Amino acid sequence: MLTVKILGSGCANCKKLEAVAREAATASHIEAEFLKVTDMQQIMAYDLLSTPGLVVNEKLVSSGRIPTVAEVQKWLST
């Protein structure tokens, strides 16, 4: 099972990113565990320039923006 982490303070963009990631996983029939990371020290460990950030299986794939569902589907399937 994939592990998907949403990095951020819990702001509106963080919530939007989580919604997009969940939609992508559902649309692709991919089972994933979603975790919210709000602790700044943990977030900084991913070498993130700006939030929100998206991490798939410990690999930072997006930061500072809301990717499209299609982009997230591609990251989840690789």
C-alpha atoms as a PDB file:
ATOM      1  CA  MET A   1       0.000   0.000   0.000  1.00  0.00           C
ATOM      2  CA  LEU A   2       1.201   3.499  -0.810  1.00  0.00           C
ATOM      3  CA  THR A   3       1.829   6.085   1.857  1.00  0.00           C
ATOM      4  CA  VAL A   4       0.779   9.606   0.887  1.00  0.00           C
ATOM      5  CA  LYS A   5       1.718  12.516   3.138  1.00  0.00           C
ATOM      6  CA  ILE A   6       0.263  15.989   2.972  1.00  0.00           C
ATOM      7  CA  LEU A   7       2.794  18.481   4.350  1.00  0.00           C
ATOM      8  CA  GLY A   8       1.482  21.767   5.689  1.00  0.00           C
ATOM      9  CA  SER A   9      -0.128  23.674   8.507  1.00  0.00           C
ATOM     10  CA  GLY A  10      -3.657  22.537   7.710  1.00  0.00           C
ATOM     11  CA  CYS A  11      -4.492  25.608   5.619  1.00  0.00           C
ATOM     12  CA  ALA A  12      -7.101  25.685   2.846  1.00  0.00           C
ATOM     13  CA  ASN A  13      -4.522  24.720   0.213  1.00  0.00           C
ATOM     14  CA  CYS A  14      -3.400  21.746   2.314  1.00  0.00           C
ATOM     15  CA  LYS A  15      -6.999  20.531   2.512  1.00  0.00           C
ATOM     16  CA  LYS A  16      -7.436  21.036  -1.248  1.00  0.00           C
ATOM     17  CA  LEU A  17      -4.253  19.073  -1.931  1.00  0.00           C
ATOM     18  CA  GLU A  18      -5.485  16.208   0.240  1.00  0.00           C
ATOM     19  CA  ALA A  19      -8.823  16.190  -1.606  1.00  0.00           C
ATOM     20  CA  VAL A  20      -7.047  16.061  -4.994  1.00  0.00           C
ATOM     21  CA  ALA A  21      -4.739  13.247  -3.823  1.00  0.00           C
ATOM     22  CA  ARG A  22      -7.649  11.202  -2.440  1.00  0.00           C
ATOM     23  CA  GLU A  23      -9.621  11.722  -5.658  1.00  0.00           C
ATOM     24  CA  ALA A  24      -6.637  10.575  -7.738  1.00  0.00           C
ATOM     25  CA  ALA A  25      -6.163   7.436  -5.645  1.00  0.00           C
ATOM     26  CA  THR A  26      -9.875   6.586  -5.803  1.00  0.00           C
ATOM     27  CA  ALA A  27     -10.062   7.186  -9.560  1.00  0.00           C
ATOM     28  CA  SER A  28      -7.030   4.936 -10.121  1.00  0.00           C
ATOM     29  CA  HIS A  29      -8.285   2.247  -7.711  1.00  0.00           C
ATOM     30  CA  ILE A  30      -5.066   2.631  -5.718  1.00  0.00           C
ATOM     31  CA  GLU A  31      -5.130   1.858  -2.023  1.00  0.00           C
ATOM     32  CA  ALA A  32      -3.209   4.465  -0.089  1.00  0.00           C
ATOM     33  CA  GLU A  33      -2.746   5.566   3.493  1.00  0.00           C
ATOM     34  CA  PHE A  34      -3.088   9.343   3.887  1.00  0.00           C
ATOM     35  CA  LEU A  35      -1.175  11.129   6.615  1.00  0.00           C
ATOM     36  CA  LYS A  36      -1.191  14.819   7.487  1.00  0.00           C
ATOM     37  CA  VAL A  37       2.148  16.210   8.625  1.00  0.00           C
ATOM     38  CA  THR A  38       1.785  19.557  10.388  1.00  0.00           C
ATOM     39  CA  ASP A  39       4.944  19.555  12.530  1.00  0.00           C
ATOM     40  CA  MET A  40       7.367  22.091  11.020  1.00  0.00           C
ATOM     41  CA  GLN A  41      10.471  20.059  11.904  1.00  0.00           C
ATOM     42  CA  GLN A  42       9.070  17.000  10.134  1.00  0.00           C
ATOM     43  CA  ILE A  43       8.043  19.121   7.137  1.00  0.00           C
ATOM     44  CA  MET A  44      11.505  20.698   6.857  1.00  0.00           C
ATOM     45  CA  ALA A  45      13.074  17.215   6.787  1.00  0.00           C
ATOM     46  CA  TYR A  46      11.673  16.866   3.251  1.00  0.00           C
ATOM     47  CA  ASP A  47      13.644  19.865   1.951  1.00  0.00           C
ATOM     48  CA  LEU A  48      10.385  21.584   1.100  1.00  0.00           C
ATOM     49  CA  LEU A  49      10.543  25.199  -0.127  1.00  0.00           C
ATOM     50  CA  SER A  50       6.883  26.033   0.391  1.00  0.00           C
ATOM     51  CA  THR A  51       3.710  24.300   1.493  1.00  0.00           C
ATOM     52  CA  PRO A  52       1.569  22.477   0.721  1.00  0.00           C
ATOM     53  CA  GLY A  53       3.774  19.517  -0.081  1.00  0.00           C
ATOM     54  CA  LEU A  54       2.896  16.062  -1.346  1.00  0.00           C
ATOM     55  CA  VAL A  55       5.032  13.043  -0.486  1.00  0.00           C
ATOM     56  CA  VAL A  56       4.449   9.613  -2.039  1.00  0.00           C
ATOM     57  CA  ASN A  57       6.327   6.742  -0.360  1.00  0.00           C
ATOM     58  CA  GLU A  58       8.803   9.192   1.226  1.00  0.00           C
ATOM     59  CA  LYS A  59       9.518  10.986  -2.094  1.00  0.00           C
ATOM     60  CA  LEU A  60       8.589  14.668  -2.337  1.00  0.00           C
ATOM     61  CA  VAL A  61       6.696  15.000  -5.634  1.00  0.00           C
ATOM     62  CA  SER A  62       5.106  18.436  -5.309  1.00  0.00           C
ATOM     63  CA  SER A  63       5.502  21.586  -3.245  1.00  0.00           C
ATOM     64  CA  GLY A  64       4.008  25.037  -3.140  1.00  0.00           C
ATOM     65  CA  ARG A  65       1.095  24.309  -5.452  1.00  0.00           C
ATOM     66  CA  ILE A  66      -1.998  22.189  -6.001  1.00  0.00           C
ATOM     67  CA  PRO A  67      -1.275  19.608  -8.728  1.00  0.00           C
ATOM     68  CA  THR A  68      -3.999  18.270 -11.001  1.00  0.00           C
ATOM     69  CA  VAL A  69      -5.696  14.944 -10.351  1.00  0.00           C
ATOM     70  CA  ALA A  70      -3.963  13.568 -13.481  1.00  0.00           C
ATOM     71  CA  GLU A  71      -0.521  14.578 -12.167  1.00  0.00           C
ATOM     72  CA  VAL A  72      -1.169  12.897  -8.820  1.00  0.00           C
ATOM     73  CA  GLN A  73      -2.448   9.754 -10.554  1.00  0.00           C
ATOM     74  CA  LYS A  74       0.843   9.568 -12.481  1.00  0.00           C
ATOM     75  CA  TRP A  75       2.877   9.901  -9.257  1.00  0.00           C
ATOM     76  CA  LEU A  76       0.789   7.292  -7.470  1.00  0.00           C
ATOM     77  CA  SER A  77       1.162   4.747 -10.260  1.00  0.00           C
ATOM     78  CA  THR A  78       4.966   4.940 -10.609  1.00  0.00           C
END
